[in-house]
Amino acid sequence: MEIFRDAVSLDTIDIFRRHHQTHSLDKSLNHINRGNIDVRTLITEDTNAFDEIKKICQKHFPDVKDGEIYANYQRQSNPTFMHVDEFGTDREEKTWTIIIPMHTDERLSVVILKNYFNNNEDLKKFVMEFDYEKSTKKNDVSKQVPLTHTPNNWRNPSQYLADYMDLDGVFKYKIGDYVLFDTNQAHASSDFKIYPEYAYKDLVQIHIGKSASRGHNPYYTEK
């Protein structure tokens, strides 16, 4: 993972927010994520928001094509579980994720691990088979970040799986910053619901690369 500081202008943040405000009721652009975690408003290539998305992507991948970019504005009503982004399932080349926060609050964060999985079924198998008794803690991220919604040892619920995995880092929410990481890295958000002022939190998510599982971005139309 790599964090980029003060890399998104307030004008760009405003464009993202206006996109959400304009299209949040458009049924063709909105879908509820599995587990009722969030509502995602797609950012398609015919919008000002997509133009800003592409500029960000081109900083890291100058030759990226529109069809290799998938982006959405997320309004999360619940924290995300430990997962991988399945845009990278069965990939032949590396795929990438960018998270751009719409809040400044260091209590809101994303924990990113160095453990890679092809998809969430493989991660689930790892979770189910993990032997806490024969393993050693590698970090104390559960003490830094509220992770009560993530996998733990059912025999000893105070033992969180994330502490036994290889920590890549913690990205704390600050407007203007963003984090770039491999889509197939396990990651999870902090549990923001412990803070009563947050009924939801917002972010922009980007996936970059050739998605083998979907062929290409289905919301892109060849010109």
C-alpha atoms as a PDB file:
ATOM      1  CA  MET A   1       0.000   0.000   0.000  1.00  0.00           C
ATOM      2  CA  GLU A   2       1.011   3.575  -0.565  1.00  0.00           C
ATOM      3  CA  ILE A   3      -0.589   6.701   0.883  1.00  0.00           C
ATOM      4  CA  PHE A   4      -0.674   9.948  -1.069  1.00  0.00           C
ATOM      5  CA  ARG A   5      -1.043  13.113   0.993  1.00  0.00           C
ATOM      6  CA  ASP A   6      -2.906  16.245  -0.142  1.00  0.00           C
ATOM      7  CA  ALA A   7      -3.238  14.693  -3.593  1.00  0.00           C
ATOM      8  CA  VAL A   8      -6.950  15.410  -4.261  1.00  0.00           C
ATOM      9  CA  SER A   9      -8.107  19.020  -4.469  1.00  0.00           C
ATOM     10  CA  LEU A  10     -11.171  20.326  -2.678  1.00  0.00           C
ATOM     11  CA  ASP A  11     -12.638  21.126  -6.113  1.00  0.00           C
ATOM     12  CA  THR A  12     -12.357  17.446  -7.052  1.00  0.00           C
ATOM     13  CA  ILE A  13     -13.894  16.377  -3.740  1.00  0.00           C
ATOM     14  CA  ASP A  14     -16.783  18.744  -4.468  1.00  0.00           C
ATOM     15  CA  ILE A  15     -17.251  17.204  -7.929  1.00  0.00           C
ATOM     16  CA  PHE A  16     -17.489  13.753  -6.346  1.00  0.00           C
ATOM     17  CA  ARG A  17     -20.032  14.963  -3.797  1.00  0.00           C
ATOM     18  CA  ARG A  18     -22.142  16.671  -6.471  1.00  0.00           C
ATOM     19  CA  HIS A  19     -22.089  13.471  -8.515  1.00  0.00           C
ATOM     20  CA  HIS A  20     -23.532  11.597  -5.556  1.00  0.00           C
ATOM     21  CA  GLN A  21     -26.130  14.266  -4.846  1.00  0.00           C
ATOM     22  CA  THR A  22     -27.203  14.337  -8.493  1.00  0.00           C
ATOM     23  CA  HIS A  23     -27.368  10.580  -9.074  1.00  0.00           C
ATOM     24  CA  SER A  24     -28.164   9.064  -5.668  1.00  0.00           C
ATOM     25  CA  LEU A  25     -31.774   8.388  -6.702  1.00  0.00           C
ATOM     26  CA  ASP A  26     -30.928   7.061 -10.175  1.00  0.00           C
ATOM     27  CA  LYS A  27     -31.796   3.356  -9.967  1.00  0.00           C
ATOM     28  CA  SER A  28     -29.631   2.543 -12.981  1.00  0.00           C
ATOM     29  CA  LEU A  29     -26.504   3.838 -11.212  1.00  0.00           C
ATOM     30  CA  ASN A  30     -27.123   2.666  -7.648  1.00  0.00           C
ATOM     31  CA  HIS A  31     -26.881  -0.729  -6.031  1.00  0.00           C
ATOM     32  CA  ILE A  32     -26.810  -2.022  -2.460  1.00  0.00           C
ATOM     33  CA  ASN A  33     -23.728  -4.012  -1.597  1.00  0.00           C
ATOM     34  CA  ARG A  34     -23.949  -7.521  -0.177  1.00  0.00           C
ATOM     35  CA  GLY A  35     -24.681  -7.526   3.530  1.00  0.00           C
ATOM     36  CA  ASN A  36     -26.489  -4.205   3.338  1.00  0.00           C
ATOM     37  CA  ILE A  37     -23.212  -2.440   4.097  1.00  0.00           C
ATOM     38  CA  ASP A  38     -23.422   0.433   1.642  1.00  0.00           C
ATOM     39  CA  VAL A  39     -25.098   1.987  -1.366  1.00  0.00           C
ATOM     40  CA  ARG A  40     -22.786   2.515  -4.328  1.00  0.00           C
ATOM     41  CA  THR A  41     -23.425   5.217  -6.890  1.00  0.00           C
ATOM     42  CA  LEU A  42     -21.534   4.327 -10.058  1.00  0.00           C
ATOM     43  CA  ILE A  43     -19.258   6.892 -11.663  1.00  0.00           C
ATOM     44  CA  THR A  44     -19.521   6.324 -15.393  1.00  0.00           C
ATOM     45  CA  GLU A  45     -17.236   7.650 -18.130  1.00  0.00           C
ATOM     46  CA  ASP A  46     -19.715  10.302 -19.322  1.00  0.00           C
ATOM     47  CA  THR A  47     -19.471  12.368 -16.116  1.00  0.00           C
ATOM     48  CA  ASN A  48     -17.236  15.104 -14.705  1.00  0.00           C
ATOM     49  CA  ALA A  49     -16.536  12.830 -11.752  1.00  0.00           C
ATOM     50  CA  PHE A  50     -15.087  10.188 -14.078  1.00  0.00           C
ATOM     51  CA  ASP A  51     -12.806  12.792 -15.659  1.00  0.00           C
ATOM     52  CA  GLU A  52     -11.368  13.453 -12.182  1.00  0.00           C
ATOM     53  CA  ILE A  53     -11.107   9.718 -11.489  1.00  0.00           C
ATOM     54  CA  LYS A  54      -9.125   9.197 -14.680  1.00  0.00           C
ATOM     55  CA  LYS A  55      -6.703  12.021 -13.837  1.00  0.00           C
ATOM     56  CA  ILE A  56      -5.954  10.332 -10.510  1.00  0.00           C
ATOM     57  CA  CYS A  57      -5.481   6.925 -12.161  1.00  0.00           C
ATOM     58  CA  GLN A  58      -3.169   8.335 -14.827  1.00  0.00           C
ATOM     59  CA  LYS A  59      -0.782   9.631 -12.176  1.00  0.00           C
ATOM     60  CA  HIS A  60       0.074   6.007 -11.421  1.00  0.00           C
ATOM     61  CA  PHE A  61      -0.913   4.241 -14.640  1.00  0.00           C
ATOM     62  CA  PRO A  62      -0.357   6.669 -17.561  1.00  0.00           C
ATOM     63  CA  ASP A  63      -1.610   4.210 -20.182  1.00  0.00           C
ATOM     64  CA  VAL A  64      -4.803   3.161 -18.399  1.00  0.00           C
ATOM     65  CA  LYS A  65      -7.883   2.950 -20.624  1.00  0.00           C
ATOM     66  CA  ASP A  66     -11.420   3.987 -19.649  1.00  0.00           C
ATOM     67  CA  GLY A  67     -12.551   0.363 -19.751  1.00  0.00           C
ATOM     68  CA  GLU A  68      -9.921  -0.543 -17.153  1.00  0.00           C
ATOM     69  CA  ILE A  69     -11.346   1.866 -14.577  1.00  0.00           C
ATOM     70  CA  TYR A  70     -14.319   1.131 -12.322  1.00  0.00           C
ATOM     71  CA  ALA A  71     -15.370   3.754  -9.778  1.00  0.00           C
ATOM     72  CA  ASN A  72     -18.221   4.441  -7.389  1.00  0.00           C
ATOM     73  CA  TYR A  73     -19.224   6.796  -4.599  1.00  0.00           C
ATOM     74  CA  GLN A  74     -20.051   4.761  -1.485  1.00  0.00           C
ATOM     75  CA  ARG A  75     -22.313   5.768   1.354  1.00  0.00           C
ATOM     76  CA  GLN A  76     -21.544   3.152   4.001  1.00  0.00           C
ATOM     77  CA  SER A  77     -24.104   2.533   6.709  1.00  0.00           C
ATOM     78  CA  ASN A  78     -22.063  -0.288   8.288  1.00  0.00           C
ATOM     79  CA  PRO A  79     -18.332  -1.037   8.466  1.00  0.00           C
ATOM     80  CA  THR A  80     -16.885  -3.376   5.866  1.00  0.00           C
ATOM     81  CA  PHE A  81     -15.825  -6.832   6.992  1.00  0.00           C
ATOM     82  CA  MET A  82     -12.391  -8.243   6.247  1.00  0.00           C
ATOM     83  CA  HIS A  83     -12.445  -8.949   2.521  1.00  0.00           C
ATOM     84  CA  VAL A  84     -10.648  -8.700  -0.798  1.00  0.00           C
ATOM     85  CA  ASP A  85     -11.954  -6.763  -3.780  1.00  0.00           C
ATOM     86  CA  GLU A  86     -13.138  -9.395  -6.232  1.00  0.00           C
ATOM     87  CA  PHE A  87     -12.360  -7.170  -9.201  1.00  0.00           C
ATOM     88  CA  GLY A  88      -9.058  -9.087  -9.032  1.00  0.00           C
ATOM     89  CA  THR A  89     -10.486 -12.627  -9.065  1.00  0.00           C
ATOM     90  CA  ASP A  90      -8.629 -14.964 -11.471  1.00  0.00           C
ATOM     91  CA  ARG A  91      -6.636 -12.046 -12.807  1.00  0.00           C
ATOM     92  CA  GLU A  92      -3.728 -12.434 -15.202  1.00  0.00           C
ATOM     93  CA  GLU A  93      -2.245  -9.040 -14.365  1.00  0.00           C
ATOM     94  CA  LYS A  94      -2.187  -7.025 -11.151  1.00  0.00           C
ATOM     95  CA  THR A  95      -5.279  -5.006 -10.318  1.00  0.00           C
ATOM     96  CA  TRP A  96      -5.454  -2.080  -7.940  1.00  0.00           C
ATOM     97  CA  THR A  97      -7.791  -0.268  -5.551  1.00  0.00           C
ATOM     98  CA  ILE A  98      -7.832   3.389  -4.549  1.00  0.00           C
ATOM     99  CA  ILE A  99      -9.870   4.673  -1.589  1.00  0.00           C
ATOM    100  CA  ILE A 100     -10.550   8.399  -1.357  1.00  0.00           C
ATOM    101  CA  PRO A 101     -12.207   9.511   1.921  1.00  0.00           C
ATOM    102  CA  MET A 102     -14.923  12.152   2.027  1.00  0.00           C
ATOM    103  CA  HIS A 103     -14.287  12.901   5.728  1.00  0.00           C
ATOM    104  CA  THR A 104     -11.399  14.122   7.832  1.00  0.00           C
ATOM    105  CA  ASP A 105     -11.353  12.062  11.020  1.00  0.00           C
ATOM    106  CA  GLU A 106      -8.418   9.881  12.091  1.00  0.00           C
ATOM    107  CA  ARG A 107     -10.810   7.605  13.969  1.00  0.00           C
ATOM    108  CA  LEU A 108     -12.068   6.453  10.555  1.00  0.00           C
ATOM    109  CA  SER A 109      -9.590   4.184   8.841  1.00  0.00           C
ATOM    110  CA  VAL A 110      -8.843   1.172   6.660  1.00  0.00           C
ATOM    111  CA  VAL A 111      -6.641  -1.678   7.868  1.00  0.00           C
ATOM    112  CA  ILE A 112      -4.703  -3.209   4.970  1.00  0.00           C
ATOM    113  CA  LEU A 113      -2.920  -6.536   5.320  1.00  0.00           C
ATOM    114  CA  LYS A 114      -0.154  -8.143   3.270  1.00  0.00           C
ATOM    115  CA  ASN A 115      -2.066 -11.409   2.943  1.00  0.00           C
ATOM    116  CA  TYR A 116      -3.334 -11.996  -0.596  1.00  0.00           C
ATOM    117  CA  PHE A 117      -6.344 -14.068  -1.678  1.00  0.00           C
ATOM    118  CA  ASN A 118      -7.832 -14.779  -5.092  1.00  0.00           C
ATOM    119  CA  ASN A 119     -11.362 -14.148  -3.855  1.00  0.00           C
ATOM    120  CA  ASN A 120     -13.465 -13.995  -0.703  1.00  0.00           C
ATOM    121  CA  GLU A 121     -14.166 -17.722  -0.713  1.00  0.00           C
ATOM    122  CA  ASP A 122     -10.425 -18.320  -0.327  1.00  0.00           C
ATOM    123  CA  LEU A 123     -10.293 -15.744   2.471  1.00  0.00           C
ATOM    124  CA  LYS A 124     -13.283 -17.386   4.166  1.00  0.00           C
ATOM    125  CA  LYS A 125     -11.493 -20.763   4.055  1.00  0.00           C
ATOM    126  CA  PHE A 126      -8.433 -19.157   5.634  1.00  0.00           C
ATOM    127  CA  VAL A 127     -10.587 -17.639   8.392  1.00  0.00           C
ATOM    128  CA  MET A 128     -12.401 -20.904   9.117  1.00  0.00           C
ATOM    129  CA  GLU A 129      -9.211 -22.976   9.262  1.00  0.00           C
ATOM    130  CA  PHE A 130      -7.002 -20.532  11.146  1.00  0.00           C
ATOM    131  CA  ASP A 131      -5.452 -22.042  14.293  1.00  0.00           C
ATOM    132  CA  TYR A 132      -4.976 -19.314  16.900  1.00  0.00           C
ATOM    133  CA  GLU A 133      -3.441 -21.695  19.433  1.00  0.00           C
ATOM    134  CA  LYS A 134      -0.564 -22.603  17.093  1.00  0.00           C
ATOM    135  CA  SER A 135      -0.044 -19.052  15.811  1.00  0.00           C
ATOM    136  CA  THR A 136       1.804 -16.009  17.096  1.00  0.00           C
ATOM    137  CA  LYS A 137       0.600 -12.426  17.001  1.00  0.00           C
ATOM    138  CA  LYS A 138       2.381 -10.283  14.435  1.00  0.00           C
ATOM    139  CA  ASN A 139       0.957  -6.861  15.311  1.00  0.00           C
ATOM    140  CA  ASP A 140      -1.474  -5.096  17.649  1.00  0.00           C
ATOM    141  CA  VAL A 141      -3.667  -3.356  15.088  1.00  0.00           C
ATOM    142  CA  SER A 142      -6.856  -4.327  16.968  1.00  0.00           C
ATOM    143  CA  LYS A 143      -5.662  -2.040  19.784  1.00  0.00           C
ATOM    144  CA  GLN A 144      -5.156   0.823  17.338  1.00  0.00           C
ATOM    145  CA  VAL A 145      -8.379   0.422  15.375  1.00  0.00           C
ATOM    146  CA  PRO A 146     -11.858  -0.816  16.472  1.00  0.00           C
ATOM    147  CA  LEU A 147     -12.191  -4.169  14.681  1.00  0.00           C
ATOM    148  CA  THR A 148     -15.004  -5.859  16.596  1.00  0.00           C
ATOM    149  CA  HIS A 149     -16.801  -6.636  13.307  1.00  0.00           C
ATOM    150  CA  THR A 150     -13.840  -8.640  11.935  1.00  0.00           C
ATOM    151  CA  PRO A 151     -12.924 -12.333  12.451  1.00  0.00           C
ATOM    152  CA  ASN A 152     -11.836 -13.429  15.910  1.00  0.00           C
ATOM    153  CA  ASN A 153     -11.235 -16.599  17.900  1.00  0.00           C
ATOM    154  CA  TRP A 154     -14.600 -17.974  19.008  1.00  0.00           C
ATOM    155  CA  ARG A 155     -12.864 -19.612  21.973  1.00  0.00           C
ATOM    156  CA  ASN A 156     -11.295 -16.279  22.976  1.00  0.00           C
ATOM    157  CA  PRO A 157     -13.141 -13.379  21.314  1.00  0.00           C
ATOM    158  CA  SER A 158     -10.448 -10.890  22.355  1.00  0.00           C
ATOM    159  CA  GLN A 159      -8.096 -12.502  19.825  1.00  0.00           C
ATOM    160  CA  TYR A 160      -8.594 -10.796  16.458  1.00  0.00           C
ATOM    161  CA  LEU A 161      -7.383 -12.466  13.286  1.00  0.00           C
ATOM    162  CA  ALA A 162      -5.931  -9.203  11.933  1.00  0.00           C
ATOM    163  CA  ASP A 163      -3.358  -9.257  14.758  1.00  0.00           C
ATOM    164  CA  TYR A 164      -2.072 -12.614  13.503  1.00  0.00           C
ATOM    165  CA  MET A 165      -1.737 -11.472   9.898  1.00  0.00           C
ATOM    166  CA  ASP A 166       0.969  -9.404   8.204  1.00  0.00           C
ATOM    167  CA  LEU A 167       0.019  -5.749   8.565  1.00  0.00           C
ATOM    168  CA  ASP A 168       0.741  -3.520   5.586  1.00  0.00           C
ATOM    169  CA  GLY A 169      -0.571  -0.378   7.265  1.00  0.00           C
ATOM    170  CA  VAL A 170      -3.484   1.716   8.502  1.00  0.00           C
ATOM    171  CA  PHE A 171      -4.877   4.490   6.308  1.00  0.00           C
ATOM    172  CA  LYS A 172      -6.574   7.203   8.352  1.00  0.00           C
ATOM    173  CA  TYR A 173      -9.271   9.350   6.778  1.00  0.00           C
ATOM    174  CA  LYS A 174      -8.229  12.847   5.748  1.00  0.00           C
ATOM    175  CA  ILE A 175      -9.789  14.799   2.902  1.00  0.00           C
ATOM    176  CA  GLY A 176      -7.218  15.234   0.147  1.00  0.00           C
ATOM    177  CA  ASP A 177      -5.401  11.972   0.928  1.00  0.00           C
ATOM    178  CA  TYR A 178      -5.919   8.565  -0.660  1.00  0.00           C
ATOM    179  CA  VAL A 179      -4.480   5.071  -0.451  1.00  0.00           C
ATOM    180  CA  LEU A 180      -3.480   2.755  -3.305  1.00  0.00           C
ATOM    181  CA  PHE A 181      -3.161  -0.993  -2.773  1.00  0.00           C
ATOM    182  CA  ASP A 182      -3.506  -4.346  -4.526  1.00  0.00           C
ATOM    183  CA  THR A 183      -7.157  -5.407  -4.876  1.00  0.00           C
ATOM    184  CA  ASN A 184      -6.298  -8.918  -3.648  1.00  0.00           C
ATOM    185  CA  GLN A 185      -4.936  -7.770  -0.294  1.00  0.00           C
ATOM    186  CA  ALA A 186      -7.211  -8.497   2.652  1.00  0.00           C
ATOM    187  CA  HIS A 187      -8.507  -5.316   4.239  1.00  0.00           C
ATOM    188  CA  ALA A 188     -11.270  -4.016   6.502  1.00  0.00           C
ATOM    189  CA  SER A 189     -12.635  -0.680   7.622  1.00  0.00           C
ATOM    190  CA  SER A 190     -12.657   0.470  11.216  1.00  0.00           C
ATOM    191  CA  ASP A 191     -15.970   0.157  13.058  1.00  0.00           C
ATOM    192  CA  PHE A 192     -17.174   3.740  12.703  1.00  0.00           C
ATOM    193  CA  LYS A 193     -20.573   2.851  14.167  1.00  0.00           C
ATOM    194  CA  ILE A 194     -19.129   3.104  17.675  1.00  0.00           C
ATOM    195  CA  TYR A 195     -19.162   6.878  17.145  1.00  0.00           C
ATOM    196  CA  PRO A 196     -22.773   8.113  17.480  1.00  0.00           C
ATOM    197  CA  GLU A 197     -22.245  11.078  15.155  1.00  0.00           C
ATOM    198  CA  TYR A 198     -21.731   8.713  12.211  1.00  0.00           C
ATOM    199  CA  ALA A 199     -24.939   7.246  10.837  1.00  0.00           C
ATOM    200  CA  TYR A 200     -22.866   6.681   7.688  1.00  0.00           C
ATOM    201  CA  LYS A 201     -19.530   7.564   6.126  1.00  0.00           C
ATOM    202  CA  ASP A 202     -18.653   8.328   2.524  1.00  0.00           C
ATOM    203  CA  LEU A 203     -15.774   7.416   0.244  1.00  0.00           C
ATOM    204  CA  VAL A 204     -14.915   7.075  -3.425  1.00  0.00           C
ATOM    205  CA  GLN A 205     -13.614   3.676  -4.502  1.00  0.00           C
ATOM    206  CA  ILE A 206     -11.671   3.004  -7.705  1.00  0.00           C
ATOM    207  CA  HIS A 207     -10.598  -0.316  -9.206  1.00  0.00           C
ATOM    208  CA  ILE A 208      -7.941  -0.269 -11.904  1.00  0.00           C
ATOM    209  CA  GLY A 209      -6.861  -2.967 -14.349  1.00  0.00           C
ATOM    210  CA  LYS A 210      -8.314  -5.802 -16.388  1.00  0.00           C
ATOM    211  CA  SER A 211     -10.929  -7.676 -14.392  1.00  0.00           C
ATOM    212  CA  ALA A 212     -10.831 -11.335 -15.428  1.00  0.00           C
ATOM    213  CA  SER A 213     -14.017 -12.112 -13.513  1.00  0.00           C
ATOM    214  CA  ARG A 214     -16.042  -9.561 -15.481  1.00  0.00           C
ATOM    215  CA  GLY A 215     -13.987  -9.306 -18.654  1.00  0.00           C
ATOM    216  CA  HIS A 216     -13.977  -5.522 -18.412  1.00  0.00           C
ATOM    217  CA  ASN A 217     -15.878  -2.707 -16.788  1.00  0.00           C
ATOM    218  CA  PRO A 218     -19.513  -3.436 -17.790  1.00  0.00           C
ATOM    219  CA  TYR A 219     -20.437   0.242 -17.413  1.00  0.00           C
ATOM    220  CA  TYR A 220     -17.956   1.336 -20.066  1.00  0.00           C
ATOM    221  CA  THR A 221     -19.182   1.734 -23.654  1.00  0.00           C
ATOM    222  CA  GLU A 222     -16.656   1.586 -26.453  1.00  0.00           C
ATOM    223  CA  LYS A 223     -16.568   4.863 -28.384  1.00  0.00           C
END
